[in-house]
Amino acid sequence: MKKFVEQYTNISIAAIIQGIAMALFLFPNSIPSGGAGGLAVLLNYWFSIPLSLALWFVNFSMLVIAIYWLGNASALGTMYGISITSLTIFFFESKLYELSSPFTIWIDFIIGSIILGIGVGILLRHDVSNGGMGVLALIYSKYRDVPPGKPLLLINGCIFILTGSIIDWRIVILAIISQWISTRVVDIIHQIKITTAASDNLPTMAWYKK
């Protein structure tokens, strides 16, 4: 039970971090946070669906794949993380355009990309996808035994091209750079190995390469 509570506490924190990155830094500038974010932006553009609801819908549609390939436990954690992220976005969404940020769009998306990568990286360390195309990236990472950053960048890049061709090509440039930054952070978080020292049972951190 202690391990379960600890795991879902970490998932909650990671999902909130991810939601803050989307709501305060990326979405206000129409920069997709990923494949699911890109599809959410398109749904918002076409049908005026709130971004929080659109993102939840896209992510929920990927759960069938997660259940089949990753198992019920991972799918449950993914669903929980998606819900927390969507609630976080909903909480900040009404305040998006009320806030006057002193940062430029470039500073916004760089900060948002780093924060997003931290949140996604923590989720993937717990075998929980960040939702959307992260499900596919986690499946590839799990069965190929590679960091999930590169497949995530490739899948999301294709969706960014679609989003940019419909809304604005400048979005593609910013989104791909954003993804490059966030996926590098994801791989850094994914490669941190937490071990327990035998002598004093204190947790230590070390780097490892697969």
N, C-alpha and C. Protein backbone atom coordinates (compact mmCIF):
# COMPACT_ATOMS: atom_id res chain seq x y z
N MET A 1 0.83 -1.20 0.00
CA MET A 1 0.00 0.00 0.00
C MET A 1 0.88 1.26 0.00
N LYS A 2 1.97 1.22 0.78
CA LYS A 2 2.87 2.36 0.84
C LYS A 2 3.47 2.65 -0.53
N LYS A 3 3.86 1.59 -1.23
CA LYS A 3 4.44 1.74 -2.56
C LYS A 3 3.39 2.30 -3.53
N PHE A 4 2.16 1.84 -3.41
CA PHE A 4 1.07 2.30 -4.28
C PHE A 4 0.83 3.80 -4.07
N VAL A 5 0.76 4.22 -2.80
CA VAL A 5 0.53 5.64 -2.48
C VAL A 5 1.68 6.49 -2.99
N GLU A 6 2.91 6.00 -2.80
CA GLU A 6 4.07 6.75 -3.26
C GLU A 6 4.07 6.90 -4.77
N GLN A 7 3.74 5.80 -5.46
CA GLN A 7 3.72 5.84 -6.92
C GLN A 7 2.69 6.84 -7.44
N TYR A 8 1.48 6.80 -6.88
CA TYR A 8 0.43 7.69 -7.38
C TYR A 8 0.63 9.13 -6.93
N THR A 9 1.36 9.33 -5.85
CA THR A 9 1.75 10.69 -5.47
C THR A 9 2.70 11.27 -6.51
N ASN A 10 3.67 10.45 -6.93
CA ASN A 10 4.61 10.89 -7.96
C ASN A 10 3.91 11.13 -9.29
N ILE A 11 2.97 10.25 -9.64
CA ILE A 11 2.21 10.42 -10.87
C ILE A 11 1.41 11.72 -10.82
N SER A 12 0.80 12.01 -9.68
CA SER A 12 0.02 13.24 -9.52
C SER A 12 0.89 14.47 -9.71
N ILE A 13 2.06 14.46 -9.07
CA ILE A 13 2.98 15.59 -9.19
C ILE A 13 3.42 15.77 -10.64
N ALA A 14 3.78 14.66 -11.29
CA ALA A 14 4.23 14.73 -12.69
C ALA A 14 3.12 15.23 -13.61
N ALA A 15 1.90 14.76 -13.39
CA ALA A 15 0.77 15.18 -14.22
C ALA A 15 0.47 16.66 -14.04
N ILE A 16 0.58 17.15 -12.81
CA ILE A 16 0.36 18.58 -12.55
C ILE A 16 1.45 19.41 -13.23
N ILE A 17 2.70 18.96 -13.14
CA ILE A 17 3.81 19.65 -13.81
C ILE A 17 3.55 19.72 -15.31
N GLN A 18 3.12 18.58 -15.88
CA GLN A 18 2.82 18.53 -17.31
C GLN A 18 1.69 19.50 -17.67
N GLY A 19 0.64 19.52 -16.85
CA GLY A 19 -0.50 20.40 -17.12
C GLY A 19 -0.13 21.87 -17.04
N ILE A 20 0.71 22.23 -16.09
CA ILE A 20 1.15 23.62 -15.95
C ILE A 20 1.95 24.05 -17.18
N ALA A 21 2.84 23.16 -17.65
CA ALA A 21 3.64 23.48 -18.84
C ALA A 21 2.73 23.75 -20.04
N MET A 22 1.70 22.93 -20.20
CA MET A 22 0.78 23.09 -21.32
C MET A 22 -0.04 24.37 -21.18
N ALA A 23 -0.65 24.55 -20.00
CA ALA A 23 -1.63 25.61 -19.81
C ALA A 23 -1.01 27.01 -19.77
N LEU A 24 0.15 27.15 -19.14
CA LEU A 24 0.72 28.47 -18.93
C LEU A 24 1.76 28.88 -19.96
N PHE A 25 2.38 27.91 -20.64
CA PHE A 25 3.47 28.26 -21.54
C PHE A 25 3.25 27.87 -23.00
N LEU A 26 2.66 26.70 -23.25
CA LEU A 26 2.58 26.20 -24.62
C LEU A 26 1.25 26.53 -25.29
N PHE A 27 0.14 26.13 -24.70
CA PHE A 27 -1.16 26.34 -25.32
C PHE A 27 -1.51 27.81 -25.56
N PRO A 28 -1.14 28.75 -24.67
CA PRO A 28 -1.47 30.15 -24.94
C PRO A 28 -0.83 30.66 -26.23
N ASN A 29 0.28 30.03 -26.64
CA ASN A 29 0.95 30.41 -27.88
C ASN A 29 0.62 29.46 -29.03
N SER A 30 -0.43 28.62 -28.82
CA SER A 30 -0.88 27.64 -29.83
C SER A 30 0.21 26.65 -30.20
N ILE A 31 1.11 26.36 -29.25
CA ILE A 31 2.18 25.38 -29.48
C ILE A 31 1.73 24.04 -28.93
N PRO A 32 1.57 23.02 -29.77
CA PRO A 32 1.16 21.70 -29.27
C PRO A 32 2.22 21.13 -28.34
N SER A 33 1.77 20.53 -27.26
CA SER A 33 2.69 19.93 -26.30
C SER A 33 3.17 18.56 -26.75
N GLY A 34 2.52 18.01 -27.75
CA GLY A 34 2.85 16.68 -28.25
C GLY A 34 1.80 16.29 -29.28
N GLY A 35 1.81 15.00 -29.66
CA GLY A 35 0.84 14.54 -30.64
C GLY A 35 -0.59 14.75 -30.18
N ALA A 36 -0.86 14.36 -28.93
CA ALA A 36 -2.21 14.56 -28.39
C ALA A 36 -2.54 16.04 -28.29
N GLY A 37 -1.54 16.84 -27.88
CA GLY A 37 -1.74 18.28 -27.81
C GLY A 37 -2.02 18.87 -29.18
N GLY A 38 -1.32 18.37 -30.20
CA GLY A 38 -1.56 18.84 -31.57
C GLY A 38 -2.97 18.53 -32.02
N LEU A 39 -3.42 17.32 -31.75
CA LEU A 39 -4.80 16.96 -32.12
C LEU A 39 -5.81 17.77 -31.32
N ALA A 40 -5.48 18.06 -30.04
CA ALA A 40 -6.37 18.88 -29.22
C ALA A 40 -6.49 20.29 -29.77
N VAL A 41 -5.36 20.85 -30.22
CA VAL A 41 -5.37 22.18 -30.83
C VAL A 41 -6.22 22.19 -32.09
N LEU A 42 -6.13 21.11 -32.88
CA LEU A 42 -6.93 21.01 -34.10
C LEU A 42 -8.43 20.93 -33.77
N LEU A 43 -8.79 20.11 -32.78
CA LEU A 43 -10.19 20.00 -32.38
C LEU A 43 -10.72 21.34 -31.87
N ASN A 44 -9.87 22.05 -31.14
CA ASN A 44 -10.26 23.37 -30.65
C ASN A 44 -10.42 24.35 -31.82
N TYR A 45 -9.56 24.24 -32.80
CA TYR A 45 -9.59 25.12 -33.97
C TYR A 45 -10.81 24.85 -34.84
N TRP A 46 -11.12 23.56 -35.04
CA TRP A 46 -12.23 23.18 -35.91
C TRP A 46 -13.59 23.33 -35.24
N PHE A 47 -13.69 22.84 -33.98
CA PHE A 47 -15.00 22.72 -33.34
C PHE A 47 -15.16 23.56 -32.07
N SER A 48 -14.14 24.37 -31.75
CA SER A 48 -14.17 25.21 -30.54
C SER A 48 -14.38 24.38 -29.27
N ILE A 49 -13.88 23.15 -29.28
CA ILE A 49 -13.94 22.31 -28.08
C ILE A 49 -12.89 22.81 -27.10
N PRO A 50 -13.23 22.98 -25.82
CA PRO A 50 -12.23 23.41 -24.84
C PRO A 50 -11.00 22.51 -24.87
N LEU A 51 -9.82 23.12 -24.75
CA LEU A 51 -8.58 22.36 -24.88
C LEU A 51 -8.48 21.24 -23.85
N SER A 52 -8.96 21.50 -22.64
CA SER A 52 -8.88 20.46 -21.60
C SER A 52 -9.71 19.24 -21.98
N LEU A 53 -10.93 19.48 -22.51
CA LEU A 53 -11.81 18.37 -22.90
C LEU A 53 -11.27 17.66 -24.14
N ALA A 54 -10.77 18.43 -25.10
CA ALA A 54 -10.23 17.84 -26.32
C ALA A 54 -9.02 16.96 -26.01
N LEU A 55 -8.16 17.44 -25.12
CA LEU A 55 -6.98 16.67 -24.76
C LEU A 55 -7.38 15.38 -24.04
N TRP A 56 -8.36 15.47 -23.15
CA TRP A 56 -8.82 14.28 -22.44
C TRP A 56 -9.41 13.27 -23.43
N PHE A 57 -10.17 13.73 -24.39
CA PHE A 57 -10.80 12.83 -25.37
C PHE A 57 -9.75 12.10 -26.20
N VAL A 58 -8.77 12.84 -26.69
CA VAL A 58 -7.71 12.22 -27.51
C VAL A 58 -6.95 11.18 -26.69
N ASN A 59 -6.62 11.55 -25.46
CA ASN A 59 -5.87 10.62 -24.61
C ASN A 59 -6.68 9.38 -24.25
N PHE A 60 -7.96 9.59 -23.97
CA PHE A 60 -8.82 8.47 -23.60
C PHE A 60 -8.91 7.46 -24.74
N SER A 61 -8.91 7.95 -25.97
CA SER A 61 -9.02 7.06 -27.12
C SER A 61 -7.81 6.14 -27.28
N MET A 62 -6.68 6.50 -26.65
CA MET A 62 -5.48 5.68 -26.73
C MET A 62 -5.42 4.61 -25.65
N LEU A 63 -6.36 4.64 -24.73
CA LEU A 63 -6.29 3.71 -23.60
C LEU A 63 -6.49 2.25 -24.01
N VAL A 64 -7.26 2.03 -25.05
CA VAL A 64 -7.47 0.66 -25.51
C VAL A 64 -6.13 0.03 -25.89
N ILE A 65 -5.30 0.80 -26.57
CA ILE A 65 -3.97 0.32 -26.96
C ILE A 65 -3.12 0.10 -25.71
N ALA A 66 -3.20 1.03 -24.77
CA ALA A 66 -2.41 0.91 -23.54
C ALA A 66 -2.79 -0.33 -22.75
N ILE A 67 -4.10 -0.60 -22.65
CA ILE A 67 -4.57 -1.78 -21.91
C ILE A 67 -4.04 -3.07 -22.55
N TYR A 68 -4.07 -3.12 -23.87
CA TYR A 68 -3.67 -4.33 -24.58
C TYR A 68 -2.16 -4.58 -24.47
N TRP A 69 -1.36 -3.52 -24.66
CA TRP A 69 0.09 -3.69 -24.74
C TRP A 69 0.81 -3.48 -23.43
N LEU A 70 0.30 -2.63 -22.56
CA LEU A 70 1.02 -2.29 -21.34
C LEU A 70 0.42 -2.89 -20.09
N GLY A 71 -0.79 -3.41 -20.18
CA GLY A 71 -1.42 -4.01 -19.02
C GLY A 71 -2.34 -3.04 -18.30
N ASN A 72 -3.20 -3.59 -17.47
CA ASN A 72 -4.21 -2.80 -16.79
C ASN A 72 -3.62 -1.78 -15.82
N ALA A 73 -2.54 -2.17 -15.12
CA ALA A 73 -1.95 -1.28 -14.13
C ALA A 73 -1.41 -0.02 -14.79
N SER A 74 -0.68 -0.20 -15.90
CA SER A 74 -0.13 0.94 -16.61
C SER A 74 -1.23 1.79 -17.21
N ALA A 75 -2.27 1.14 -17.74
CA ALA A 75 -3.39 1.86 -18.34
C ALA A 75 -4.14 2.68 -17.29
N LEU A 76 -4.29 2.09 -16.09
CA LEU A 76 -4.97 2.80 -15.00
C LEU A 76 -4.17 4.03 -14.58
N GLY A 77 -2.85 3.86 -14.45
CA GLY A 77 -2.00 4.99 -14.12
C GLY A 77 -2.03 6.06 -15.19
N THR A 78 -2.05 5.62 -16.46
CA THR A 78 -2.13 6.56 -17.58
C THR A 78 -3.42 7.36 -17.53
N MET A 79 -4.54 6.66 -17.28
CA MET A 79 -5.83 7.33 -17.21
C MET A 79 -5.87 8.32 -16.06
N TYR A 80 -5.31 7.94 -14.94
CA TYR A 80 -5.27 8.82 -13.78
C TYR A 80 -4.42 10.06 -14.09
N GLY A 81 -3.25 9.84 -14.68
CA GLY A 81 -2.38 10.96 -15.03
C GLY A 81 -3.02 11.90 -16.02
N ILE A 82 -3.72 11.32 -17.03
CA ILE A 82 -4.41 12.13 -18.03
C ILE A 82 -5.46 13.01 -17.37
N SER A 83 -6.21 12.42 -16.44
CA SER A 83 -7.28 13.17 -15.77
C SER A 83 -6.72 14.32 -14.93
N ILE A 84 -5.62 14.05 -14.20
CA ILE A 84 -5.00 15.09 -13.39
C ILE A 84 -4.46 16.21 -14.28
N THR A 85 -3.83 15.83 -15.40
CA THR A 85 -3.31 16.84 -16.33
C THR A 85 -4.44 17.69 -16.89
N SER A 86 -5.54 17.04 -17.31
CA SER A 86 -6.68 17.77 -17.87
C SER A 86 -7.30 18.71 -16.84
N LEU A 87 -7.41 18.25 -15.59
CA LEU A 87 -7.96 19.10 -14.53
C LEU A 87 -7.04 20.30 -14.28
N THR A 88 -5.74 20.07 -14.33
CA THR A 88 -4.80 21.17 -14.15
C THR A 88 -4.94 22.20 -15.26
N ILE A 89 -5.06 21.71 -16.50
CA ILE A 89 -5.25 22.62 -17.63
C ILE A 89 -6.56 23.38 -17.48
N PHE A 90 -7.62 22.68 -17.07
CA PHE A 90 -8.92 23.32 -16.88
C PHE A 90 -8.84 24.42 -15.82
N PHE A 91 -8.10 24.16 -14.76
CA PHE A 91 -7.98 25.13 -13.67
C PHE A 91 -7.31 26.41 -14.14
N PHE A 92 -6.25 26.26 -14.97
CA PHE A 92 -5.51 27.43 -15.43
C PHE A 92 -6.05 28.00 -16.73
N GLU A 93 -6.88 27.22 -17.45
CA GLU A 93 -7.31 27.62 -18.79
C GLU A 93 -8.07 28.94 -18.78
N SER A 94 -8.95 29.14 -17.81
CA SER A 94 -9.76 30.35 -17.76
C SER A 94 -8.91 31.58 -17.47
N LYS A 95 -7.68 31.36 -17.00
CA LYS A 95 -6.82 32.47 -16.64
C LYS A 95 -5.74 32.72 -17.68
N LEU A 96 -5.76 31.91 -18.76
CA LEU A 96 -4.67 32.00 -19.74
C LEU A 96 -4.49 33.41 -20.29
N TYR A 97 -5.58 33.99 -20.74
CA TYR A 97 -5.47 35.27 -21.40
C TYR A 97 -5.71 36.44 -20.46
N GLU A 98 -5.88 36.13 -19.17
CA GLU A 98 -5.97 37.18 -18.17
C GLU A 98 -4.58 37.53 -17.64
N LEU A 99 -3.64 36.60 -17.84
CA LEU A 99 -2.29 36.81 -17.35
C LEU A 99 -1.46 37.53 -18.41
N SER A 100 -0.76 38.55 -18.02
CA SER A 100 0.11 39.26 -18.96
C SER A 100 1.55 38.86 -18.68
N SER A 101 2.03 37.89 -19.44
CA SER A 101 3.36 37.36 -19.22
C SER A 101 4.41 38.32 -19.78
N PRO A 102 5.47 38.58 -19.01
CA PRO A 102 6.54 39.45 -19.50
C PRO A 102 7.49 38.73 -20.45
N PHE A 103 7.30 37.43 -20.58
CA PHE A 103 8.19 36.64 -21.42
C PHE A 103 7.76 36.71 -22.88
N THR A 104 8.72 36.58 -23.77
CA THR A 104 8.41 36.47 -25.18
C THR A 104 7.96 35.05 -25.47
N ILE A 105 7.45 34.84 -26.67
CA ILE A 105 6.99 33.50 -27.04
C ILE A 105 8.14 32.50 -27.00
N TRP A 106 9.36 32.95 -27.31
CA TRP A 106 10.50 32.03 -27.31
C TRP A 106 10.85 31.61 -25.90
N ILE A 107 10.85 32.53 -24.98
CA ILE A 107 11.13 32.20 -23.59
C ILE A 107 10.03 31.30 -23.04
N ASP A 108 8.79 31.61 -23.40
CA ASP A 108 7.65 30.81 -22.95
C ASP A 108 7.80 29.35 -23.37
N PHE A 109 8.08 29.14 -24.65
CA PHE A 109 8.08 27.75 -25.11
C PHE A 109 9.33 26.99 -24.67
N ILE A 110 10.44 27.70 -24.43
CA ILE A 110 11.63 27.01 -23.92
C ILE A 110 11.39 26.56 -22.48
N ILE A 111 10.87 27.47 -21.66
CA ILE A 111 10.57 27.12 -20.26
C ILE A 111 9.51 26.03 -20.22
N GLY A 112 8.45 26.19 -21.04
CA GLY A 112 7.39 25.19 -21.07
C GLY A 112 7.88 23.83 -21.52
N SER A 113 8.80 23.80 -22.48
CA SER A 113 9.32 22.53 -22.98
C SER A 113 10.12 21.80 -21.92
N ILE A 114 10.94 22.54 -21.16
CA ILE A 114 11.74 21.94 -20.10
C ILE A 114 10.83 21.38 -19.01
N ILE A 115 9.84 22.18 -18.60
CA ILE A 115 8.92 21.73 -17.55
C ILE A 115 8.12 20.52 -18.04
N LEU A 116 7.68 20.56 -19.30
CA LEU A 116 6.93 19.44 -19.87
C LEU A 116 7.78 18.17 -19.87
N GLY A 117 9.04 18.28 -20.26
CA GLY A 117 9.93 17.12 -20.29
C GLY A 117 10.12 16.50 -18.91
N ILE A 118 10.19 17.34 -17.89
CA ILE A 118 10.33 16.83 -16.52
C ILE A 118 9.09 16.02 -16.13
N GLY A 119 7.91 16.58 -16.40
CA GLY A 119 6.67 15.88 -16.06
C GLY A 119 6.51 14.57 -16.80
N VAL A 120 6.75 14.59 -18.12
CA VAL A 120 6.62 13.38 -18.93
C VAL A 120 7.66 12.35 -18.53
N GLY A 121 8.89 12.80 -18.25
CA GLY A 121 9.94 11.88 -17.85
C GLY A 121 9.62 11.14 -16.57
N ILE A 122 9.06 11.84 -15.59
CA ILE A 122 8.67 11.20 -14.33
C ILE A 122 7.58 10.17 -14.57
N LEU A 123 6.60 10.52 -15.41
CA LEU A 123 5.52 9.57 -15.72
C LEU A 123 6.07 8.30 -16.36
N LEU A 124 6.94 8.45 -17.34
CA LEU A 124 7.47 7.29 -18.05
C LEU A 124 8.35 6.43 -17.14
N ARG A 125 8.99 7.02 -16.16
CA ARG A 125 9.79 6.24 -15.21
C ARG A 125 8.91 5.31 -14.39
N HIS A 126 7.65 5.67 -14.24
CA HIS A 126 6.71 4.83 -13.49
C HIS A 126 5.89 3.93 -14.41
N ASP A 127 6.39 3.73 -15.65
CA ASP A 127 5.70 2.91 -16.65
C ASP A 127 4.29 3.43 -16.91
N VAL A 128 4.14 4.73 -16.81
CA VAL A 128 2.86 5.38 -17.08
C VAL A 128 3.06 6.34 -18.24
N SER A 129 2.25 6.20 -19.26
CA SER A 129 2.36 7.10 -20.40
C SER A 129 1.78 8.46 -20.05
N ASN A 130 2.28 9.50 -20.72
CA ASN A 130 1.70 10.82 -20.55
C ASN A 130 0.43 10.97 -21.38
N GLY A 131 0.02 9.88 -22.01
CA GLY A 131 -1.20 9.90 -22.82
C GLY A 131 -0.88 10.11 -24.28
N GLY A 132 -1.91 10.00 -25.10
CA GLY A 132 -1.75 10.26 -26.53
C GLY A 132 -0.67 9.40 -27.15
N MET A 133 0.22 10.03 -27.93
CA MET A 133 1.26 9.31 -28.63
C MET A 133 2.32 8.77 -27.68
N GLY A 134 2.31 9.26 -26.44
CA GLY A 134 3.23 8.72 -25.45
C GLY A 134 2.98 7.25 -25.19
N VAL A 135 1.75 6.80 -25.39
CA VAL A 135 1.43 5.37 -25.26
C VAL A 135 2.24 4.58 -26.27
N LEU A 136 2.25 5.03 -27.52
CA LEU A 136 2.99 4.33 -28.57
C LEU A 136 4.50 4.38 -28.29
N ALA A 137 4.98 5.54 -27.84
CA ALA A 137 6.41 5.68 -27.54
C ALA A 137 6.82 4.77 -26.38
N LEU A 138 5.96 4.66 -25.37
CA LEU A 138 6.27 3.80 -24.22
C LEU A 138 6.28 2.34 -24.62
N ILE A 139 5.34 1.94 -25.48
CA ILE A 139 5.31 0.55 -25.98
C ILE A 139 6.60 0.24 -26.74
N TYR A 140 7.00 1.15 -27.63
CA TYR A 140 8.23 0.96 -28.41
C TYR A 140 9.44 0.90 -27.49
N SER A 141 9.48 1.81 -26.50
CA SER A 141 10.60 1.84 -25.56
C SER A 141 10.68 0.56 -24.74
N LYS A 142 9.53 0.06 -24.32
CA LYS A 142 9.49 -1.12 -23.46
C LYS A 142 9.95 -2.37 -24.19
N TYR A 143 9.52 -2.52 -25.44
CA TYR A 143 9.83 -3.76 -26.15
C TYR A 143 11.13 -3.69 -26.94
N ARG A 144 11.64 -2.48 -27.18
CA ARG A 144 12.92 -2.32 -27.86
C ARG A 144 14.05 -1.99 -26.88
N ASP A 145 13.67 -1.74 -25.62
CA ASP A 145 14.63 -1.43 -24.57
C ASP A 145 15.49 -0.22 -24.94
N VAL A 146 14.83 0.86 -25.36
CA VAL A 146 15.50 2.10 -25.71
C VAL A 146 14.79 3.25 -25.01
N PRO A 147 15.47 4.39 -24.83
CA PRO A 147 14.80 5.55 -24.25
C PRO A 147 13.63 5.99 -25.13
N PRO A 148 12.56 6.48 -24.54
CA PRO A 148 11.35 6.78 -25.30
C PRO A 148 11.37 8.12 -26.03
N GLY A 149 12.43 8.91 -25.83
CA GLY A 149 12.44 10.24 -26.41
C GLY A 149 12.39 10.27 -27.93
N LYS A 150 13.22 9.46 -28.60
CA LYS A 150 13.31 9.51 -30.06
C LYS A 150 12.01 9.08 -30.75
N PRO A 151 11.43 7.92 -30.38
CA PRO A 151 10.15 7.57 -31.03
C PRO A 151 9.05 8.58 -30.74
N LEU A 152 9.08 9.18 -29.56
CA LEU A 152 8.08 10.19 -29.23
C LEU A 152 8.23 11.41 -30.13
N LEU A 153 9.46 11.81 -30.38
CA LEU A 153 9.73 12.95 -31.26
C LEU A 153 9.27 12.66 -32.68
N LEU A 154 9.53 11.45 -33.18
CA LEU A 154 9.17 11.09 -34.54
C LEU A 154 7.65 11.08 -34.74
N ILE A 155 6.94 10.43 -33.82
CA ILE A 155 5.48 10.34 -33.93
C ILE A 155 4.84 11.72 -33.83
N ASN A 156 5.27 12.49 -32.84
CA ASN A 156 4.70 13.81 -32.65
C ASN A 156 5.03 14.75 -33.81
N GLY A 157 6.24 14.57 -34.38
CA GLY A 157 6.63 15.41 -35.50
C GLY A 157 5.68 15.29 -36.67
N CYS A 158 5.21 14.07 -36.94
CA CYS A 158 4.25 13.86 -38.04
C CYS A 158 2.94 14.60 -37.78
N ILE A 159 2.49 14.57 -36.53
CA ILE A 159 1.24 15.26 -36.19
C ILE A 159 1.45 16.77 -36.25
N PHE A 160 2.63 17.26 -35.89
CA PHE A 160 2.90 18.69 -35.97
C PHE A 160 2.83 19.19 -37.40
N ILE A 161 3.32 18.37 -38.32
CA ILE A 161 3.26 18.76 -39.73
C ILE A 161 1.81 18.92 -40.17
N LEU A 162 0.96 17.98 -39.74
CA LEU A 162 -0.47 18.08 -40.05
C LEU A 162 -1.07 19.34 -39.44
N THR A 163 -0.76 19.58 -38.16
CA THR A 163 -1.29 20.75 -37.48
C THR A 163 -0.83 22.04 -38.16
N GLY A 164 0.45 22.10 -38.50
CA GLY A 164 0.99 23.30 -39.13
C GLY A 164 0.42 23.55 -40.51
N SER A 165 0.15 22.48 -41.26
CA SER A 165 -0.39 22.64 -42.61
C SER A 165 -1.82 23.18 -42.58
N ILE A 166 -2.50 22.98 -41.47
CA ILE A 166 -3.89 23.44 -41.36
C ILE A 166 -3.99 24.80 -40.68
N ILE A 167 -3.20 25.01 -39.63
CA ILE A 167 -3.31 26.25 -38.86
C ILE A 167 -2.24 27.26 -39.26
N ASP A 168 -0.99 26.93 -39.01
CA ASP A 168 0.09 27.88 -39.29
C ASP A 168 1.41 27.11 -39.28
N TRP A 169 2.20 27.25 -40.36
CA TRP A 169 3.45 26.52 -40.46
C TRP A 169 4.46 26.93 -39.40
N ARG A 170 4.32 28.17 -38.88
CA ARG A 170 5.24 28.59 -37.83
C ARG A 170 5.09 27.73 -36.59
N ILE A 171 3.88 27.17 -36.41
CA ILE A 171 3.64 26.29 -35.26
C ILE A 171 4.53 25.06 -35.34
N VAL A 172 4.74 24.55 -36.57
CA VAL A 172 5.55 23.34 -36.75
C VAL A 172 6.97 23.57 -36.25
N ILE A 173 7.55 24.72 -36.63
CA ILE A 173 8.92 25.01 -36.24
C ILE A 173 9.04 25.08 -34.72
N LEU A 174 8.15 25.85 -34.11
CA LEU A 174 8.19 25.98 -32.66
C LEU A 174 7.90 24.65 -31.96
N ALA A 175 6.93 23.89 -32.50
CA ALA A 175 6.55 22.63 -31.88
C ALA A 175 7.67 21.60 -31.96
N ILE A 176 8.35 21.53 -33.10
CA ILE A 176 9.44 20.56 -33.25
C ILE A 176 10.61 20.93 -32.34
N ILE A 177 10.94 22.22 -32.26
CA ILE A 177 12.00 22.63 -31.33
C ILE A 177 11.60 22.32 -29.90
N SER A 178 10.33 22.60 -29.58
CA SER A 178 9.82 22.32 -28.24
C SER A 178 9.92 20.84 -27.93
N GLN A 179 9.55 20.00 -28.91
CA GLN A 179 9.62 18.56 -28.70
C GLN A 179 11.06 18.09 -28.56
N TRP A 180 11.96 18.68 -29.32
CA TRP A 180 13.37 18.29 -29.22
C TRP A 180 13.88 18.58 -27.81
N ILE A 181 13.54 19.74 -27.28
CA ILE A 181 13.97 20.10 -25.93
C ILE A 181 13.35 19.16 -24.90
N SER A 182 12.02 18.98 -24.99
CA SER A 182 11.32 18.18 -23.97
C SER A 182 11.74 16.72 -24.02
N THR A 183 11.94 16.17 -25.23
CA THR A 183 12.33 14.76 -25.32
C THR A 183 13.76 14.54 -24.84
N ARG A 184 14.62 15.54 -24.98
CA ARG A 184 15.97 15.43 -24.40
C ARG A 184 15.87 15.38 -22.87
N VAL A 185 15.00 16.21 -22.32
CA VAL A 185 14.80 16.19 -20.87
C VAL A 185 14.20 14.85 -20.44
N VAL A 186 13.25 14.32 -21.24
CA VAL A 186 12.65 13.02 -20.96
C VAL A 186 13.71 11.94 -20.87
N ASP A 187 14.63 11.91 -21.84
CA ASP A 187 15.68 10.89 -21.84
C ASP A 187 16.61 11.05 -20.65
N ILE A 188 16.90 12.30 -20.25
CA ILE A 188 17.75 12.53 -19.07
C ILE A 188 17.07 11.97 -17.82
N ILE A 189 15.78 12.30 -17.66
CA ILE A 189 15.04 11.79 -16.50
C ILE A 189 14.95 10.27 -16.55
N HIS A 190 14.75 9.71 -17.75
CA HIS A 190 14.60 8.27 -17.92
C HIS A 190 15.89 7.52 -17.61
N GLN A 191 17.05 8.17 -17.80
CA GLN A 191 18.33 7.51 -17.60
C GLN A 191 18.89 7.68 -16.20
N ILE A 192 18.17 8.38 -15.34
CA ILE A 192 18.61 8.49 -13.95
C ILE A 192 18.19 7.23 -13.21
N LYS A 193 19.15 6.57 -12.62
CA LYS A 193 18.87 5.34 -11.89
C LYS A 193 18.94 5.61 -10.39
N ILE A 194 17.85 5.32 -9.70
CA ILE A 194 17.79 5.50 -8.25
C ILE A 194 18.10 4.17 -7.58
N THR A 195 19.15 4.15 -6.79
CA THR A 195 19.55 2.93 -6.10
C THR A 195 19.53 3.15 -4.60
N THR A 196 19.60 2.06 -3.86
CA THR A 196 19.65 2.15 -2.39
C THR A 196 20.99 1.67 -1.90
N ALA A 197 21.67 2.51 -1.18
CA ALA A 197 22.98 2.13 -0.64
C ALA A 197 22.82 1.02 0.38
N ALA A 198 23.64 -0.01 0.23
CA ALA A 198 23.50 -1.18 1.11
C ALA A 198 23.88 -0.85 2.55
N SER A 199 24.82 0.10 2.70
CA SER A 199 25.34 0.35 4.04
C SER A 199 24.36 1.09 4.93
N ASP A 200 23.71 2.11 4.38
CA ASP A 200 22.85 2.92 5.23
C ASP A 200 21.43 3.01 4.71
N ASN A 201 21.14 2.26 3.63
CA ASN A 201 19.80 2.22 3.06
C ASN A 201 19.28 3.61 2.65
N LEU A 202 20.22 4.50 2.32
CA LEU A 202 19.82 5.81 1.84
C LEU A 202 19.72 5.78 0.32
N PRO A 203 18.70 6.41 -0.26
CA PRO A 203 18.57 6.43 -1.72
C PRO A 203 19.67 7.27 -2.35
N THR A 204 20.26 6.75 -3.40
CA THR A 204 21.27 7.50 -4.14
C THR A 204 20.87 7.50 -5.59
N MET A 205 21.48 8.42 -6.36
CA MET A 205 21.15 8.54 -7.78
C MET A 205 22.40 8.28 -8.60
N ALA A 206 22.25 7.56 -9.68
CA ALA A 206 23.37 7.27 -10.55
C ALA A 206 22.90 7.28 -11.99
N TRP A 207 23.84 7.44 -12.89
CA TRP A 207 23.50 7.45 -14.32
C TRP A 207 23.75 6.07 -14.90
N TYR A 208 22.92 5.70 -15.80
CA TYR A 208 23.16 4.44 -16.49
C TYR A 208 22.73 4.58 -17.93
N LYS A 209 23.32 3.76 -18.77
CA LYS A 209 22.94 3.73 -20.18
C LYS A 209 22.50 2.34 -20.54
N LYS A 210 21.37 2.29 -21.27
CA LYS A 210 20.86 0.97 -21.66
C LYS A 210 21.63 0.45 -22.85
